[in-house]
Protein backbone atom coordinates (compact mmCIF):
# COMPACT_ATOMS: atom_id res chain seq x y z
CA MET A 1 -28.65 15.71 50.82
CA LEU A 2 -25.15 17.18 50.44
CA LYS A 3 -23.57 13.72 50.52
CA ALA A 4 -25.86 12.50 47.73
CA GLN A 5 -25.09 15.59 45.64
CA ASN A 6 -21.33 15.12 46.06
CA SER A 7 -21.60 11.47 45.05
CA PHE A 8 -23.67 12.39 41.98
CA ALA A 9 -21.15 15.10 40.99
CA ALA A 10 -18.21 12.66 41.30
CA LEU A 11 -19.98 10.05 39.13
CA ASN A 12 -20.89 12.73 36.60
CA ARG A 13 -17.24 13.83 36.35
CA ARG A 14 -16.22 10.23 35.75
CA SER A 15 -18.84 9.84 33.02
CA LEU A 16 -17.69 13.06 31.32
CA SER A 17 -14.06 11.93 31.49
CA LEU A 18 -14.97 8.68 29.72
CA ASP A 19 -16.93 10.70 27.13
CA TYR A 20 -13.74 12.64 26.42
CA SER A 21 -11.71 9.42 26.12
CA LEU A 22 -14.26 7.96 23.69
CA THR A 23 -14.14 11.13 21.58
CA VAL A 24 -10.34 10.94 21.44
CA LYS A 25 -10.54 7.25 20.51
CA ASP A 26 -12.99 7.92 17.66
CA LEU A 27 -10.87 10.80 16.37
CA LYS A 28 -7.78 8.60 16.49
CA GLN A 29 -9.57 5.96 14.42
CA GLN A 30 -10.72 8.55 11.86
CA VAL A 31 -7.22 10.00 11.49
CA THR A 32 -5.67 6.53 11.18
CA ASN A 33 -8.25 5.48 8.58
CA GLN A 34 -7.62 8.63 6.56
CA TYR A 35 -3.86 8.10 6.82
CA LEU A 36 -4.34 4.60 5.39
CA VAL A 37 -6.52 6.00 2.58
CA VAL A 38 -3.81 8.51 1.65
CA TYR A 39 -1.10 5.85 1.89
CA GLY A 40 -3.17 3.63 -0.41
CA ASP A 41 -3.52 6.51 -2.91
CA GLN A 42 0.22 7.03 -2.70
CA GLN A 43 0.88 3.34 -3.41
CA GLN A 44 -1.56 3.40 -6.33
CA LEU A 45 0.14 6.45 -7.85
CA ALA A 46 3.57 4.87 -7.48
CA PHE A 47 2.29 1.69 -9.09
CA LEU A 48 0.73 3.60 -12.02
CA LYS A 49 3.97 5.55 -12.53
CA GLU A 50 5.95 2.32 -12.61
CA SER A 51 3.51 0.77 -15.07
CA TYR A 52 3.62 3.83 -17.32
CA GLN A 53 7.43 3.81 -17.30
CA LEU A 54 7.36 0.15 -18.31
CA LEU A 55 5.07 0.93 -21.22
CA GLN A 56 7.28 3.87 -22.23
CA ARG A 57 10.34 1.62 -22.38
CA GLU A 58 8.54 -0.80 -24.69
CA ASP A 59 7.06 2.00 -26.81
CA SER A 60 10.37 2.89 -28.47
CA ILE A 61 10.96 -0.77 -29.37
CA LEU A 62 7.47 -1.28 -30.74
CA GLN A 63 7.66 1.94 -32.75
CA ARG A 64 10.87 0.81 -34.41
CA LEU A 65 9.49 -2.68 -35.13
CA ALA A 66 6.23 -1.25 -36.54
CA ARG A 67 8.22 0.91 -38.96
CA ALA A 68 10.12 -2.18 -40.06
CA ASN A 69 6.75 -3.89 -40.73
CA ILE A 70 7.48 -6.58 -38.15
CA TYR A 71 4.31 -5.49 -36.36
CA ARG A 72 1.19 -3.97 -37.83
CA GLN A 73 0.59 -0.25 -37.39
CA THR A 74 -2.88 -0.94 -35.98
CA ASP A 75 -1.43 -3.09 -33.20
CA TYR A 76 1.09 -0.40 -32.36
CA LEU A 77 -1.63 2.29 -32.30
CA THR A 78 -3.68 0.10 -29.94
CA PHE A 79 -0.66 -0.08 -27.66
CA VAL A 80 -0.23 3.72 -27.77
CA ALA A 81 -3.91 4.21 -26.89
CA SER A 82 -3.51 1.93 -23.90
CA MET A 83 -0.42 3.84 -22.82
CA ARG A 84 -2.31 7.15 -23.04
CA LYS A 85 -5.08 5.67 -20.94
CA GLN A 86 -2.50 4.69 -18.36
CA GLN A 87 -1.23 8.26 -18.31
CA LEU A 88 -4.77 9.54 -17.68
CA LEU A 89 -5.19 7.10 -14.79
CA LYS A 90 -1.94 8.40 -13.33
CA MET A 91 -3.21 11.99 -13.45
CA GLN A 92 -6.50 10.99 -11.82
CA ALA A 93 -4.64 9.13 -9.07
CA LEU A 94 -2.54 12.23 -8.35
CA SER A 95 -5.67 14.36 -8.05
CA GLN A 96 -7.27 11.83 -5.69
CA LEU A 97 -4.10 11.72 -3.59
CA LYS A 98 -4.08 15.52 -3.17
CA SER A 99 -7.76 15.55 -2.21
CA ASN A 100 -7.46 12.82 0.44
CA LEU A 101 -4.23 14.31 1.76
CA GLY A 102 -6.05 17.61 2.22
CA ARG A 103 -8.76 15.84 4.24
CA LEU A 104 -6.11 14.20 6.42
CA ARG A 105 -4.57 17.59 7.14
CA TYR A 106 -8.01 18.99 7.92
CA LEU A 107 -8.60 16.26 10.51
CA CYS A 108 -5.19 16.96 12.05
CA GLY A 109 -5.53 20.76 11.92
CA ILE A 110 -2.56 21.19 9.56
CA GLU A 111 -2.63 24.11 7.13
CA ASP A 112 0.24 22.96 4.87
CA THR A 113 -0.81 22.20 1.27
CA SER A 114 2.42 20.74 -0.15
CA LEU A 115 2.54 17.19 -1.49
CA VAL A 116 4.36 14.91 0.94
CA SER A 117 5.21 11.22 1.02
CA LEU A 118 3.78 9.22 3.92
CA SER A 119 5.79 6.54 5.66
CA LYS A 120 4.63 2.95 5.70
CA PRO A 121 2.10 2.53 8.53
CA ASN A 122 3.32 0.90 11.72
CA LEU A 123 0.05 -0.61 12.89
CA PRO A 124 0.47 -3.88 14.82
CA LEU A 125 -2.54 -5.85 15.94
CA ALA A 126 -3.19 -4.98 19.59
CA GLU A 127 -3.84 -7.65 22.16
CA LEU A 128 -7.54 -8.36 22.50
CA VAL A 129 -8.90 -7.41 25.91
CA ASN A 130 -12.05 -8.56 27.65
CA VAL A 131 -15.14 -6.80 26.32
CA ASP A 132 -16.01 -5.66 29.85
CA SER A 133 -12.71 -3.71 30.00
CA THR A 134 -13.20 -1.58 26.89
CA LEU A 135 -13.86 2.14 27.07
CA THR A 136 -17.37 1.71 25.69
CA THR A 137 -18.34 -0.82 28.37
CA ARG A 138 -16.75 1.26 31.11
CA LYS A 139 -18.82 4.22 29.92
CA PHE A 140 -22.00 2.16 30.24
CA THR A 141 -20.96 1.14 33.75
CA ALA A 142 -20.29 4.77 34.75
CA ASP A 143 -23.64 5.89 33.32
CA SER A 144 -25.39 3.06 35.15
CA LEU A 145 -23.88 4.16 38.48
CA LEU A 146 -24.78 7.76 37.69
CA ILE A 147 -28.41 6.85 37.06
CA ALA A 148 -28.54 4.64 40.16
CA SER A 149 -27.31 7.55 42.29
CA LYS A 150 -30.49 9.41 41.39
CA HIS A 151 -32.36 7.13 43.80
CA SER A 152 -30.29 8.54 46.66
CA MET A 153 -30.91 12.08 45.41
CA ILE A 154 -34.67 11.48 45.42
CA ASP A 155 -34.66 9.91 48.88
CA ALA A 156 -32.45 12.68 50.27
CA TYR A 157 -34.93 15.30 49.05
CA TYR A 158 -37.77 13.66 51.04
CA ARG A 159 -35.87 13.18 54.30
CA PRO A 160 -37.01 15.26 57.33
CA THR A 161 -34.82 18.33 57.85
CA PHE A 162 -34.03 20.30 60.98
CA SER A 163 -32.21 23.63 60.97
CA LEU A 164 -31.29 26.31 63.49
CA HIS A 165 -30.99 29.98 62.69
CA ALA A 166 -30.03 33.08 64.70
CA ASP A 167 -29.60 36.76 63.99
CA ALA A 168 -28.49 39.86 65.92
CA GLY A 169 -28.70 43.60 65.19
CA TYR A 170 -28.21 47.14 66.47
CA LEU A 171 -30.60 49.95 65.67
CA SER A 172 -28.57 53.16 65.63
CA SER A 173 -31.39 55.66 65.03
CA PHE A 174 -32.17 55.99 68.76
CA LEU A 175 -30.09 58.65 70.56
CA PHE A 176 -30.99 57.76 74.14
CA GLU A 177 -30.45 54.53 76.05
CA PRO A 178 -28.23 52.90 73.39
CA TYR A 179 -28.14 49.63 75.37
CA ASN A 180 -31.75 49.13 74.34
CA ASN A 181 -30.82 49.26 70.65
CA PHE A 182 -29.36 45.75 70.60
CA GLY A 183 -31.52 42.79 69.49
CA VAL A 184 -30.96 39.02 69.23
CA GLY A 185 -33.21 36.36 67.67
CA VAL A 186 -32.93 32.54 67.71
CA GLY A 187 -35.16 30.06 65.91
CA ALA A 188 -35.46 26.47 64.72
CA THR A 189 -37.13 24.95 61.66
CA PHE A 190 -38.25 21.36 61.27
CA SER A 191 -39.86 20.07 58.07
CA ILE A 192 -41.15 16.66 57.12
CA PRO A 193 -42.87 15.67 53.84
CA ILE A 194 -46.36 14.36 54.41
CA TYR A 195 -47.95 13.87 50.97
CA ASP A 196 -46.49 14.60 47.48
CA GLY A 197 -49.09 13.01 45.19
CA HIS A 198 -46.94 9.88 44.64
CA GLN A 199 -44.27 11.99 42.95
CA ARG A 200 -41.48 10.20 44.84
CA THR A 201 -42.65 6.80 43.62
CA LEU A 202 -43.02 8.05 40.06
CA GLN A 203 -39.52 9.51 40.09
CA HIS A 204 -38.07 6.20 41.32
CA GLN A 205 -39.97 4.34 38.60
CA LYS A 206 -38.60 6.73 36.00
CA VAL A 207 -35.04 6.05 37.16
CA VAL A 208 -35.69 2.28 37.08
CA LEU A 209 -36.83 2.56 33.45
CA GLN A 210 -33.66 4.49 32.61
CA GLU A 211 -31.57 1.75 34.25
CA GLN A 212 -33.37 -0.97 32.30
CA SER A 213 -33.01 0.91 29.01
CA LEU A 214 -29.29 1.43 29.60
CA GLY A 215 -28.89 -2.25 30.54
CA PHE A 216 -30.54 -3.37 27.29
CA GLU A 217 -28.34 -0.97 25.29
CA LYS A 218 -25.19 -2.21 27.04
CA GLY A 219 -26.06 -5.84 26.32
CA LYS A 220 -26.74 -5.05 22.67
CA VAL A 221 -23.45 -3.19 22.23
CA ILE A 222 -21.43 -5.97 23.90
CA ARG A 223 -23.01 -8.61 21.65
CA GLN A 224 -22.35 -6.47 18.58
CA GLN A 225 -18.71 -6.00 19.57
CA GLN A 226 -18.24 -9.73 20.11
CA ILE A 227 -19.77 -10.51 16.70
CA GLN A 228 -17.71 -7.77 15.04
CA ARG A 229 -14.51 -9.08 16.60
CA ARG A 230 -15.09 -12.58 15.24
CA LEU A 231 -16.00 -11.18 11.82
CA LEU A 232 -12.91 -8.97 11.61
CA GLN A 233 -10.60 -11.78 12.72
CA SER A 234 -12.13 -14.07 10.12
CA GLN A 235 -11.65 -11.40 7.44
CA LEU A 236 -8.00 -10.97 8.46
CA ASN A 237 -7.41 -14.72 8.12
CA ASP A 238 -9.09 -14.82 4.70
CA LEU A 239 -7.12 -11.79 3.56
CA ALA A 240 -3.84 -13.44 4.60
CA LEU A 241 -4.63 -16.46 2.40
CA GLN A 242 -5.63 -14.24 -0.53
CA SER A 243 -2.44 -12.17 -0.21
CA LYS A 244 -0.32 -15.32 -0.27
CA GLU A 245 -2.04 -16.48 -3.47
CA VAL A 246 -1.63 -13.04 -5.10
CA ASP A 247 2.10 -12.99 -4.26
CA GLU A 248 2.60 -16.36 -5.91
CA GLN A 249 0.71 -15.32 -9.05
CA LEU A 250 2.56 -12.02 -9.14
CA SER A 251 5.93 -13.73 -9.39
CA PHE A 252 4.72 -15.71 -12.43
CA ALA A 253 3.17 -12.62 -14.04
CA ARG A 254 6.40 -10.65 -13.60
CA ALA A 255 8.43 -13.47 -15.16
CA LEU A 256 5.98 -13.64 -18.09
CA VAL A 257 6.32 -9.90 -18.78
CA GLU A 258 10.11 -10.17 -18.78
CA ALA A 259 10.03 -13.18 -21.13
CA ASN A 260 7.58 -11.50 -23.52
CA GLY A 261 9.75 -8.38 -23.46
CA CYS A 262 12.68 -10.41 -24.76
CA LEU A 263 10.56 -12.07 -27.47
CA LEU A 264 9.04 -8.74 -28.47
CA GLU A 265 12.27 -7.41 -29.98
CA SER A 266 12.49 -10.37 -32.36
CA GLY A 267 8.81 -10.22 -33.31
CA GLN A 268 8.00 -13.62 -31.77
CA VAL A 269 5.07 -12.38 -29.67
CA ASP A 270 2.01 -10.39 -30.69
CA ILE A 271 1.57 -6.89 -29.29
CA PRO A 272 -1.93 -7.69 -27.92
CA MET A 273 -0.51 -10.74 -26.17
CA PHE A 274 2.36 -8.70 -24.77
CA PHE A 275 0.05 -5.97 -23.52
CA LEU A 276 -2.26 -8.62 -22.02
CA SER A 277 0.64 -9.95 -19.95
CA ILE A 278 1.46 -6.41 -18.78
CA GLN A 279 -2.18 -5.77 -17.89
CA SER A 280 -2.34 -9.02 -15.92
CA TYR A 281 0.81 -8.03 -14.02
CA MET A 282 -0.60 -4.56 -13.26
CA ASP A 283 -3.91 -6.01 -12.05
CA LEU A 284 -2.15 -8.39 -9.67
CA GLU A 285 0.12 -5.63 -8.39
CA GLY A 286 -2.95 -3.50 -7.75
CA GLN A 287 -4.60 -6.36 -5.84
CA ARG A 288 -1.46 -6.76 -3.73
CA TRP A 289 -1.35 -3.20 -2.42
CA SER A 290 -5.16 -3.11 -2.11
CA ALA A 291 -4.98 -6.18 0.14
CA GLU A 292 -2.25 -4.50 2.18
CA ILE A 293 -4.39 -1.40 2.79
CA ALA A 294 -7.45 -3.55 3.55
CA ARG A 295 -5.41 -5.45 6.15
CA TYR A 296 -4.39 -2.21 7.85
CA MET A 297 -8.00 -1.03 7.84
CA LEU A 298 -9.18 -4.25 9.51
CA ILE A 299 -6.44 -4.02 12.13
CA ASN A 300 -7.35 -0.40 12.88
CA GLU A 301 -11.01 -1.30 13.32
CA LEU A 302 -10.20 -4.31 15.50
CA ASN A 303 -7.83 -2.25 17.67
CA ASN A 304 -10.50 0.43 18.05
CA ILE A 305 -13.04 -2.11 19.31
CA SER A 306 -10.54 -3.58 21.77
CA GLU A 307 -9.49 -0.24 23.24
């Protein structure tokens, strides 16, 4: 019985240790995800600031040309309204950055509330390991062994037991013949289960059902992880192609903004057309950093599955 209990305790400690490792792994993923969210907010704010500064530089030129009647006042006012909208977006992005940064500090247990700049994430794609070697699968294996050990615990409880016991004493209340005050007793106990109402069989059946349920759950989780791995890898490949296309379009959009900026001073390009080129450039720039954050998110999720 003692051997079965020691084995069960050792397996239970192993299972609890893996529970702790899984908790640490999940917390690590949450912190990394939140770091990427904050870094994305930081990139968005920097991008909006850059866009607003670009519009501010052109504002002084357009204002001068509108006064000289080279451009219509209505076109210039439309440009100013768009610039004000960009300023509002910048303020909203700053508020979102502070909120998500506060959540990141909460997850990390940091009480500081100052606005800081996060470094670019260093998140390489980890080498994919066999699904049977992941922490999740190892936890299923440990739980399976723990449940299986219950069979030994049940059998040990129903084994015949034999025990010896002895006791000795001295009764000090007698004043005469003290040698008669000593007493010694020896005994033996032997017990064997005869009938338990099929409780032993029912307990074994209950453990078998637990083993089967855990086996089904393990198989389901492994299949889900394999499917998720393939899906994430496919998404990473698609994202790499999209990022390449965005980079190529971005170079053309940047060149178009610079060319329209030169033509703007001589009144050879309409303000709506000029602003349209700026908006196209800003949209592509936003897609570029969004794709970068999405790539980091996919890598973090894939690394978490493979750990």
